């Protein structure tokens, strides 16, 4: 059981990284969906960092998630 949970978090970390990169891509193409993709990616990354007990990047991810909400509101 512990291995499957560890494996899930490992996948979640990589998945969140892919979402964040996709968010940059959509932002570069001025597509407002970038904010939603970034938000989800940053929330997953924040949870991943909490699971790994790396709290400074977790806080950063959550704060960037709040900025994603602000960006979405500003763009729409």
Protein backbone atom coordinates (compact mmCIF):
# COMPACT_ATOMS: atom_id res chain seq x y z
CA UNK A 1 0.00 0.00 0.00
CA UNK A 2 2.77 2.43 0.93
CA UNK A 3 4.48 1.85 -2.44
CA UNK A 4 1.30 2.64 -4.36
CA UNK A 5 0.80 5.89 -2.43
CA UNK A 6 4.45 6.81 -3.02
CA UNK A 7 4.05 6.03 -6.72
CA UNK A 8 0.86 8.14 -6.89
CA UNK A 9 2.64 11.17 -5.41
CA UNK A 10 5.56 10.64 -7.79
CA UNK A 11 3.16 10.74 -10.74
CA UNK A 12 1.31 13.75 -9.27
CA UNK A 13 4.58 15.69 -9.05
CA UNK A 14 5.38 15.09 -12.71
CA UNK A 15 1.78 15.74 -13.77
CA UNK A 16 1.72 19.09 -11.96
CA UNK A 17 4.98 20.07 -13.65
CA UNK A 18 3.43 19.29 -17.05
CA UNK A 19 0.35 21.37 -16.22
CA UNK A 20 2.49 24.33 -15.19
CA UNK A 21 4.45 24.15 -18.44
CA UNK A 22 1.19 23.91 -20.39
CA UNK A 23 0.00 27.00 -18.51
CA UNK A 24 3.05 28.91 -19.74
CA UNK A 25 2.36 27.75 -23.30
CA UNK A 26 -1.26 28.88 -23.22
CA UNK A 27 -0.26 32.17 -21.59
CA UNK A 28 2.28 32.81 -24.35
CA UNK A 29 -0.56 32.30 -26.83
CA UNK A 30 -2.82 34.67 -24.84
CA UNK A 31 -5.38 31.97 -24.05
CA UNK A 32 -7.22 32.65 -20.76
CA UNK A 33 -7.45 28.91 -20.03
CA UNK A 34 -3.80 29.24 -18.96
CA UNK A 35 -4.92 30.55 -15.57
CA UNK A 36 -7.06 27.50 -14.83
CA UNK A 37 -4.32 25.10 -15.96
CA UNK A 38 -1.73 26.97 -13.90
CA UNK A 39 -4.00 27.00 -10.85
CA UNK A 40 -4.58 23.25 -10.94
CA UNK A 41 -0.89 22.59 -11.59
CA UNK A 42 0.19 24.83 -8.72
CA UNK A 43 -2.30 23.30 -6.28
CA UNK A 44 -1.12 19.78 -7.10
CA UNK A 45 2.50 20.93 -6.84
CA UNK A 46 1.78 22.52 -3.46
CA UNK A 47 0.25 19.30 -2.17
CA UNK A 48 3.15 17.31 -3.59
CA UNK A 49 5.63 19.59 -1.81
CA UNK A 50 3.71 19.22 1.45
CA UNK A 51 3.83 15.44 1.07
CA UNK A 52 7.61 15.67 0.57
CA UNK A 53 7.89 18.08 3.53
CA UNK A 54 9.42 20.81 1.39
CA UNK A 55 7.39 23.66 2.77
CA UNK A 56 8.96 26.76 1.16
CA UNK A 57 8.12 25.59 -2.40
CA UNK A 58 4.70 24.44 -1.14
CA UNK A 59 3.93 27.95 0.13
CA UNK A 60 5.24 29.40 -3.14
CA UNK A 61 2.97 27.08 -5.15
CA UNK A 62 -0.09 28.01 -3.11
CA UNK A 63 0.67 31.74 -3.37
CA UNK A 64 1.17 31.46 -7.12
CA UNK A 65 -2.19 29.64 -7.21
CA UNK A 66 -3.76 32.73 -5.64
CA UNK A 67 -2.06 34.88 -8.27
CA UNK A 68 -3.54 32.58 -10.94
CA UNK A 69 -7.01 33.44 -9.62
CA UNK A 70 -6.12 37.14 -9.75
CA UNK A 71 -4.79 36.77 -13.30
CA UNK A 72 -7.92 35.00 -14.44
CA UNK A 73 -10.15 37.71 -12.96
CA UNK A 74 -8.00 40.42 -14.54
CA UNK A 75 -8.14 38.82 -17.98
CA UNK A 76 -11.88 38.09 -18.04
